[in-house]
PDB file of N, CA and C in Angstrom:
ATOM      1  N   GLU A   1      99.232  75.139  16.419  1.00  0.00           N
ATOM      2  CA  GLU A   1      99.663  76.497  16.166  1.00  0.00           C
ATOM      3  C   GLU A   1      99.037  77.065  14.898  1.00  0.00           C
ATOM      4  N   ILE A   2      98.930  76.237  13.891  1.00  0.00           N
ATOM      5  CA  ILE A   2      98.389  76.708  12.619  1.00  0.00           C
ATOM      6  C   ILE A   2      96.894  76.994  12.738  1.00  0.00           C
ATOM      7  N   GLU A   3      96.194  76.191  13.517  1.00  0.00           N
ATOM      8  CA  GLU A   3      94.774  76.478  13.744  1.00  0.00           C
ATOM      9  C   GLU A   3      94.605  77.829  14.424  1.00  0.00           C
ATOM     10  N   GLU A   4      95.461  78.151  15.375  1.00  0.00           N
ATOM     11  CA  GLU A   4      95.395  79.445  16.055  1.00  0.00           C
ATOM     12  C   GLU A   4      95.714  80.584  15.078  1.00  0.00           C
ATOM     13  N   LEU A   5      96.698  80.389  14.226  1.00  0.00           N
ATOM     14  CA  LEU A   5      97.014  81.416  13.223  1.00  0.00           C
ATOM     15  C   LEU A   5      95.816  81.660  12.300  1.00  0.00           C
ATOM     16  N   ALA A   6      95.152  80.589  11.908  1.00  0.00           N
ATOM     17  CA  ALA A   6      93.974  80.731  11.053  1.00  0.00           C
ATOM     18  C   ALA A   6      92.872  81.509  11.776  1.00  0.00           C
ATOM     19  N   ARG A   7      92.668  81.231  13.062  1.00  0.00           N
ATOM     20  CA  ARG A   7      91.664  81.974  13.839  1.00  0.00           C
ATOM     21  C   ARG A   7      92.009  83.458  13.921  1.00  0.00           C
ATOM     22  N   GLN A   8      93.302  83.768  13.916  1.00  0.00           N
ATOM     23  CA  GLN A   8      93.744  85.162  13.969  1.00  0.00           C
ATOM     24  C   GLN A   8      93.688  85.855  12.604  1.00  0.00           C
ATOM     25  N   GLY A   9      93.319  85.122  11.577  1.00  0.00           N
ATOM     26  CA  GLY A   9      93.161  85.719  10.256  1.00  0.00           C
ATOM     27  C   GLY A   9      94.284  85.472   9.273  1.00  0.00           C
ATOM     28  N   TYR A  10      95.309  84.757   9.684  1.00  0.00           N
ATOM     29  CA  TYR A  10      96.381  84.428   8.739  1.00  0.00           C
ATOM     30  C   TYR A  10      95.851  83.463   7.696  1.00  0.00           C
ATOM     31  N   ARG A  11      96.248  83.669   6.444  1.00  0.00           N
ATOM     32  CA  ARG A  11      95.768  82.831   5.347  1.00  0.00           C
ATOM     33  C   ARG A  11      96.865  81.993   4.718  1.00  0.00           C
ATOM     34  N   GLU A  12      98.118  82.315   5.026  1.00  0.00           N
ATOM     35  CA  GLU A  12      99.251  81.601   4.444  1.00  0.00           C
ATOM     36  C   GLU A  12     100.230  81.220   5.544  1.00  0.00           C
ATOM     37  N   VAL A  13     100.764  80.002   5.452  1.00  0.00           N
ATOM     38  CA  VAL A  13     101.794  79.565   6.384  1.00  0.00           C
ATOM     39  C   VAL A  13     102.986  79.044   5.597  1.00  0.00           C
ATOM     40  N   THR A  14     104.149  79.211   6.183  1.00  0.00           N
ATOM     41  CA  THR A  14     105.379  78.656   5.622  1.00  0.00           C
ATOM     42  C   THR A  14     105.985  77.736   6.666  1.00  0.00           C
ATOM     43  N   LEU A  15     106.175  76.491   6.298  1.00  0.00           N
ATOM     44  CA  LEU A  15     106.826  75.524   7.169  1.00  0.00           C
ATOM     45  C   LEU A  15     108.317  75.614   6.880  1.00  0.00           C
ATOM     46  N   LEU A  16     109.069  75.996   7.880  1.00  0.00           N
ATOM     47  CA  LEU A  16     110.480  76.305   7.699  1.00  0.00           C
ATOM     48  C   LEU A  16     111.347  75.384   8.527  1.00  0.00           C
ATOM     49  N   GLY A  17     112.389  74.874   7.919  1.00  0.00           N
ATOM     50  CA  GLY A  17     113.321  74.031   8.647  1.00  0.00           C
ATOM     51  C   GLY A  17     114.577  73.808   7.846  1.00  0.00           C
ATOM     52  N   GLN A  18     115.581  73.303   8.494  1.00  0.00           N
ATOM     53  CA  GLN A  18     116.838  72.992   7.811  1.00  0.00           C
ATOM     54  C   GLN A  18     116.613  71.895   6.778  1.00  0.00           C
ATOM     55  N   ASN A  19     115.720  70.970   7.108  1.00  0.00           N
ATOM     56  CA  ASN A  19     115.430  69.855   6.216  1.00  0.00           C
ATOM     57  C   ASN A  19     113.991  69.403   6.483  1.00  0.00           C
ATOM     58  N   THR A  20     113.038  70.147   5.970  1.00  0.00           N
ATOM     59  CA  THR A  20     111.631  69.888   6.280  1.00  0.00           C
ATOM     60  C   THR A  20     111.172  68.490   5.880  1.00  0.00           C
ATOM     61  N   ASP A  21     111.724  67.949   4.818  1.00  0.00           N
ATOM     62  CA  ASP A  21     111.280  66.643   4.315  1.00  0.00           C
ATOM     63  C   ASP A  21     111.572  65.502   5.289  1.00  0.00           C
ATOM     64  N   ALA A  22     112.497  65.712   6.216  1.00  0.00           N
ATOM     65  CA  ALA A  22     112.825  64.676   7.193  1.00  0.00           C
ATOM     66  C   ALA A  22     111.913  64.748   8.415  1.00  0.00           C
ATOM     67  N   TYR A  23     110.936  65.637   8.393  1.00  0.00           N
ATOM     68  CA  TYR A  23     110.016  65.800   9.519  1.00  0.00           C
ATOM     69  C   TYR A  23     109.410  64.456   9.920  1.00  0.00           C
ATOM     70  N   GLY A  24     109.331  64.232  11.215  1.00  0.00           N
ATOM     71  CA  GLY A  24     108.614  63.085  11.756  1.00  0.00           C
ATOM     72  C   GLY A  24     109.392  61.803  11.874  1.00  0.00           C
ATOM     73  N   ARG A  25     110.595  61.761  11.362  1.00  0.00           N
ATOM     74  CA  ARG A  25     111.383  60.524  11.428  1.00  0.00           C
ATOM     75  C   ARG A  25     111.727  60.144  12.865  1.00  0.00           C
ATOM     76  N   ASP A  26     111.707  61.120  13.773  1.00  0.00           N
ATOM     77  CA  ASP A  26     112.036  60.851  15.177  1.00  0.00           C
ATOM     78  C   ASP A  26     110.799  60.736  16.061  1.00  0.00           C
ATOM     79  N   LEU A  27     109.608  60.802  15.478  1.00  0.00           N
ATOM     80  CA  LEU A  27     108.373  60.720  16.253  1.00  0.00           C
ATOM     81  C   LEU A  27     107.894  59.279  16.356  1.00  0.00           C
ATOM     82  N   LYS A  28     107.178  59.003  17.411  1.00  0.00           N
ATOM     83  CA  LYS A  28     106.556  57.688  17.614  1.00  0.00           C
ATOM     84  C   LYS A  28     105.066  57.892  17.794  1.00  0.00           C
ATOM     85  N   PRO A  29     104.190  57.404  16.941  1.00  0.00           N
ATOM     86  CA  PRO A  29     104.551  56.715  15.712  1.00  0.00           C
ATOM     87  C   PRO A  29     105.151  57.678  14.692  1.00  0.00           C
ATOM     88  N   ARG A  30     105.890  57.108  13.782  1.00  0.00           N
ATOM     89  CA  ARG A  30     106.559  57.892  12.748  1.00  0.00           C
ATOM     90  C   ARG A  30     105.524  58.583  11.863  1.00  0.00           C
ATOM     91  N   VAL A  31     105.794  59.830  11.524  1.00  0.00           N
ATOM     92  CA  VAL A  31     104.909  60.635  10.683  1.00  0.00           C
ATOM     93  C   VAL A  31     105.742  61.174   9.532  1.00  0.00           C
ATOM     94  N   THR A  32     105.155  61.254   8.351  1.00  0.00           N
ATOM     95  CA  THR A  32     105.899  61.800   7.217  1.00  0.00           C
ATOM     96  C   THR A  32     105.564  63.272   7.018  1.00  0.00           C
ATOM     97  N   PHE A  33     106.421  63.946   6.291  1.00  0.00           N
ATOM     98  CA  PHE A  33     106.171  65.346   5.976  1.00  0.00           C
ATOM     99  C   PHE A  33     104.920  65.472   5.100  1.00  0.00           C
ATOM    100  N   ALA A  34     104.692  64.503   4.239  1.00  0.00           N
ATOM    101  CA  ALA A  34     103.481  64.498   3.405  1.00  0.00           C
ATOM    102  C   ALA A  34     102.229  64.468   4.289  1.00  0.00           C
ATOM    103  N   GLU A  35     102.264  63.685   5.363  1.00  0.00           N
ATOM    104  CA  GLU A  35     101.121  63.633   6.287  1.00  0.00           C
ATOM    105  C   GLU A  35     100.934  64.974   6.991  1.00  0.00           C
ATOM    106  N   LEU A  36     102.033  65.625   7.352  1.00  0.00           N
ATOM    107  CA  LEU A  36     101.930  66.944   7.966  1.00  0.00           C
ATOM    108  C   LEU A  36     101.290  67.935   6.994  1.00  0.00           C
ATOM    109  N   LEU A  37     101.693  67.898   5.741  1.00  0.00           N
ATOM    110  CA  LEU A  37     101.091  68.795   4.743  1.00  0.00           C
ATOM    111  C   LEU A  37      99.589  68.553   4.623  1.00  0.00           C
ATOM    112  N   ARG A  38      99.172  67.303   4.647  1.00  0.00           N
ATOM    113  CA  ARG A  38      97.736  66.993   4.575  1.00  0.00           C
ATOM    114  C   ARG A  38      96.991  67.546   5.797  1.00  0.00           C
ATOM    115  N   THR A  39      97.605  67.454   6.958  1.00  0.00           N
ATOM    116  CA  THR A  39      96.986  67.987   8.177  1.00  0.00           C
ATOM    117  C   THR A  39      96.835  69.494   8.092  1.00  0.00           C
ATOM    118  N   VAL A  40      97.881  70.167   7.662  1.00  0.00           N
ATOM    119  CA  VAL A  40      97.822  71.628   7.515  1.00  0.00           C
ATOM    120  C   VAL A  40      96.804  72.011   6.448  1.00  0.00           C
ATOM    121  N   HIS A  41      96.749  71.261   5.370  1.00  0.00           N
ATOM    122  CA  HIS A  41      95.803  71.524   4.280  1.00  0.00           C
ATOM    123  C   HIS A  41      94.358  71.498   4.773  1.00  0.00           C
ATOM    124  N   ASP A  42      94.088  70.686   5.779  1.00  0.00           N
ATOM    125  CA  ASP A  42      92.720  70.543   6.301  1.00  0.00           C
ATOM    126  C   ASP A  42      92.315  71.634   7.289  1.00  0.00           C
ATOM    127  N   VAL A  43      93.217  72.546   7.613  1.00  0.00           N
ATOM    128  CA  VAL A  43      92.893  73.618   8.558  1.00  0.00           C
ATOM    129  C   VAL A  43      92.049  74.678   7.846  1.00  0.00           C
ATOM    130  N   ASP A  44      90.837  74.885   8.334  1.00  0.00           N
ATOM    131  CA  ASP A  44      89.959  75.907   7.761  1.00  0.00           C
ATOM    132  C   ASP A  44      90.590  77.286   7.911  1.00  0.00           C
ATOM    133  N   GLY A  45      90.521  78.064   6.840  1.00  0.00           N
ATOM    134  CA  GLY A  45      91.053  79.413   6.862  1.00  0.00           C
ATOM    135  C   GLY A  45      92.425  79.546   6.237  1.00  0.00           C
ATOM    136  N   ILE A  46      93.192  78.473   6.231  1.00  0.00           N
ATOM    137  CA  ILE A  46      94.502  78.511   5.581  1.00  0.00           C
ATOM    138  C   ILE A  46      94.293  78.278   4.086  1.00  0.00           C
ATOM    139  N   GLU A  47      94.794  79.201   3.281  1.00  0.00           N
ATOM    140  CA  GLU A  47      94.590  79.131   1.831  1.00  0.00           C
ATOM    141  C   GLU A  47      95.853  78.756   1.057  1.00  0.00           C
ATOM    142  N   ARG A  48      97.028  79.033   1.632  1.00  0.00           N
ATOM    143  CA  ARG A  48      98.283  78.735   0.951  1.00  0.00           C
ATOM    144  C   ARG A  48      99.284  78.145   1.940  1.00  0.00           C
ATOM    145  N   ILE A  49      99.996  77.124   1.460  1.00  0.00           N
ATOM    146  CA  ILE A  49     101.024  76.473   2.265  1.00  0.00           C
ATOM    147  C   ILE A  49     102.319  76.478   1.458  1.00  0.00           C
ATOM    148  N   ARG A  50     103.364  76.984   2.075  1.00  0.00           N
ATOM    149  CA  ARG A  50     104.700  76.942   1.476  1.00  0.00           C
ATOM    150  C   ARG A  50     105.604  76.184   2.440  1.00  0.00           C
ATOM    151  N   PHE A  51     106.694  75.638   1.906  1.00  0.00           N
ATOM    152  CA  PHE A  51     107.686  75.051   2.792  1.00  0.00           C
ATOM    153  C   PHE A  51     109.081  75.212   2.197  1.00  0.00           C
ATOM    154  N   THR A  52     110.028  75.306   3.077  1.00  0.00           N
ATOM    155  CA  THR A  52     111.430  75.417   2.713  1.00  0.00           C
ATOM    156  C   THR A  52     112.243  74.931   3.902  1.00  0.00           C
ATOM    157  N   THR A  53     113.218  74.268   3.829  1.00  0.00           N
ATOM    158  CA  THR A  53     114.020  73.906   2.686  1.00  0.00           C
ATOM    159  C   THR A  53     113.908  72.400   2.487  1.00  0.00           C
ATOM    160  N   SER A  54     113.808  71.983   1.255  1.00  0.00           N
ATOM    161  CA  SER A  54     113.757  70.559   0.923  1.00  0.00           C
ATOM    162  C   SER A  54     115.172  70.061   0.666  1.00  0.00           C
ATOM    163  N   HIS A  55     115.368  68.781   0.852  1.00  0.00           N
ATOM    164  CA  HIS A  55     116.648  68.163   0.530  1.00  0.00           C
ATOM    165  C   HIS A  55     116.368  67.006  -0.420  1.00  0.00           C
ATOM    166  N   PRO A  56     117.086  66.931  -1.527  1.00  0.00           N
ATOM    167  CA  PRO A  56     116.822  65.869  -2.516  1.00  0.00           C
ATOM    168  C   PRO A  56     116.841  64.459  -1.930  1.00  0.00           C
ATOM    169  N   ARG A  57     117.632  64.246  -0.899  1.00  0.00           N
ATOM    170  CA  ARG A  57     117.717  62.913  -0.284  1.00  0.00           C
ATOM    171  C   ARG A  57     116.378  62.456   0.279  1.00  0.00           C
ATOM    172  N   TYR A  58     115.584  63.377   0.797  1.00  0.00           N
ATOM    173  CA  TYR A  58     114.323  63.034   1.447  1.00  0.00           C
ATOM    174  C   TYR A  58     113.091  63.385   0.625  1.00  0.00           C
ATOM    175  N   PHE A  59     113.282  63.964  -0.548  1.00  0.00           N
ATOM    176  CA  PHE A  59     112.144  64.350  -1.371  1.00  0.00           C
ATOM    177  C   PHE A  59     111.637  63.115  -2.107  1.00  0.00           C
ATOM    178  N   THR A  60     110.574  62.530  -1.583  1.00  0.00           N
ATOM    179  CA  THR A  60     110.081  61.244  -2.079  1.00  0.00           C
ATOM    180  C   THR A  60     108.992  61.411  -3.134  1.00  0.00           C
ATOM    181  N   LYS A  61     108.725  60.316  -3.804  1.00  0.00           N
ATOM    182  CA  LYS A  61     107.628  60.280  -4.764  1.00  0.00           C
ATOM    183  C   LYS A  61     106.299  60.571  -4.059  1.00  0.00           C
ATOM    184  N   ASN A  62     106.153  60.056  -2.842  1.00  0.00           N
ATOM    185  CA  ASN A  62     104.947  60.298  -2.043  1.00  0.00           C
ATOM    186  C   ASN A  62     104.776  61.785  -1.754  1.00  0.00           C
ATOM    187  N   LEU A  63     105.865  62.470  -1.415  1.00  0.00           N
ATOM    188  CA  LEU A  63     105.782  63.906  -1.151  1.00  0.00           C
ATOM    189  C   LEU A  63     105.404  64.667  -2.418  1.00  0.00           C
ATOM    190  N   ALA A  64     106.002  64.321  -3.539  1.00  0.00           N
ATOM    191  CA  ALA A  64     105.670  64.982  -4.804  1.00  0.00           C
ATOM    192  C   ALA A  64     104.201  64.764  -5.151  1.00  0.00           C
ATOM    193  N   GLN A  65     103.709  63.543  -4.979  1.00  0.00           N
ATOM    194  CA  GLN A  65     102.311  63.228  -5.257  1.00  0.00           C
ATOM    195  C   GLN A  65     101.387  64.010  -4.330  1.00  0.00           C
ATOM    196  N   THR A  66     101.734  64.075  -3.056  1.00  0.00           N
ATOM    197  CA  THR A  66     100.928  64.817  -2.089  1.00  0.00           C
ATOM    198  C   THR A  66     100.855  66.282  -2.475  1.00  0.00           C
ATOM    199  N   CYS A  67     101.983  66.871  -2.826  1.00  0.00           N
ATOM    200  CA  CYS A  67     102.004  68.287  -3.227  1.00  0.00           C
ATOM    201  C   CYS A  67     101.121  68.520  -4.450  1.00  0.00           C
ATOM    202  N   SER A  68     101.122  67.582  -5.388  1.00  0.00           N
ATOM    203  CA  SER A  68     100.300  67.756  -6.593  1.00  0.00           C
ATOM    204  C   SER A  68      98.810  67.616  -6.293  1.00  0.00           C
ATOM    205  N   GLU A  69      98.464  66.872  -5.250  1.00  0.00           N
ATOM    206  CA  GLU A  69      97.055  66.647  -4.901  1.00  0.00           C
ATOM    207  C   GLU A  69      96.455  67.758  -4.042  1.00  0.00           C
ATOM    208  N   LEU A  70      97.285  68.479  -3.303  1.00  0.00           N
ATOM    209  CA  LEU A  70      96.774  69.469  -2.351  1.00  0.00           C
ATOM    210  C   LEU A  70      96.771  70.855  -2.983  1.00  0.00           C
ATOM    211  N   SER A  71      95.598  71.395  -3.169  1.00  0.00           N
ATOM    212  CA  SER A  71      95.455  72.679  -3.866  1.00  0.00           C
ATOM    213  C   SER A  71      96.046  73.853  -3.096  1.00  0.00           C
ATOM    214  N   LYS A  72      96.200  73.733  -1.797  1.00  0.00           N
ATOM    215  CA  LYS A  72      96.725  74.847  -1.001  1.00  0.00           C
ATOM    216  C   LYS A  72      98.256  74.909  -0.993  1.00  0.00           C
ATOM    217  N   VAL A  73      98.914  73.834  -1.401  1.00  0.00           N
ATOM    218  CA  VAL A  73     100.377  73.824  -1.437  1.00  0.00           C
ATOM    219  C   VAL A  73     100.835  74.578  -2.673  1.00  0.00           C
ATOM    220  N   CYS A  74     101.678  75.590  -2.477  1.00  0.00           N
ATOM    221  CA  CYS A  74     102.165  76.408  -3.587  1.00  0.00           C
ATOM    222  C   CYS A  74     103.007  75.566  -4.538  1.00  0.00           C
ATOM    223  N   GLU A  75     102.968  75.946  -5.788  1.00  0.00           N
ATOM    224  CA  GLU A  75     103.551  75.136  -6.860  1.00  0.00           C
ATOM    225  C   GLU A  75     105.026  75.425  -7.113  1.00  0.00           C
ATOM    226  N   SER A  76     105.802  75.540  -6.081  1.00  0.00           N
ATOM    227  CA  SER A  76     107.240  75.704  -6.255  1.00  0.00           C
ATOM    228  C   SER A  76     107.959  75.021  -5.107  1.00  0.00           C
ATOM    229  N   PHE A  77     109.174  74.584  -5.382  1.00  0.00           N
ATOM    230  CA  PHE A  77     109.984  73.909  -4.381  1.00  0.00           C
ATOM    231  C   PHE A  77     111.321  74.627  -4.260  1.00  0.00           C
ATOM    232  N   ASN A  78     111.781  74.772  -3.052  1.00  0.00           N
ATOM    233  CA  ASN A  78     113.091  75.341  -2.785  1.00  0.00           C
ATOM    234  C   ASN A  78     114.010  74.174  -2.488  1.00  0.00           C
ATOM    235  N   VAL A  79     114.815  73.793  -3.470  1.00  0.00           N
ATOM    236  CA  VAL A  79     115.754  72.687  -3.306  1.00  0.00           C
ATOM    237  C   VAL A  79     117.163  73.241  -3.442  1.00  0.00           C
ATOM    238  N   PRO A  80     117.943  73.227  -2.365  1.00  0.00           N
ATOM    239  CA  PRO A  80     119.290  73.794  -2.433  1.00  0.00           C
ATOM    240  C   PRO A  80     120.239  72.898  -3.222  1.00  0.00           C
ATOM    241  N   PHE A  81     121.177  73.507  -3.900  1.00  0.00           N
ATOM    242  CA  PHE A  81     122.227  72.743  -4.557  1.00  0.00           C
ATOM    243  C   PHE A  81     123.291  72.440  -3.516  1.00  0.00           C
ATOM    244  N   GLN A  82     123.549  71.205  -3.290  1.00  0.00           N
ATOM    245  CA  GLN A  82     124.514  70.794  -2.256  1.00  0.00           C
ATOM    246  C   GLN A  82     125.819  70.372  -2.893  1.00  0.00           C
TER     247      GLN A  82
END
């Protein structure tokens, strides 16, 4: 879907979910949200990536490291107070 959006001229995407950080836990093979961010980052034409909503329970060191390494991921996090 994101590749199609890029072909249509969209430059920014927002990954939206109740708990985006838990993405992929039900997939076989299991995929992490950090891996999804890397895949989206590699889509030509996409310049900015945002995501919401994060949950502190699933916000891992790996995810933080991935966000710091990927230049297209915006430098802010939406973490709700629970």
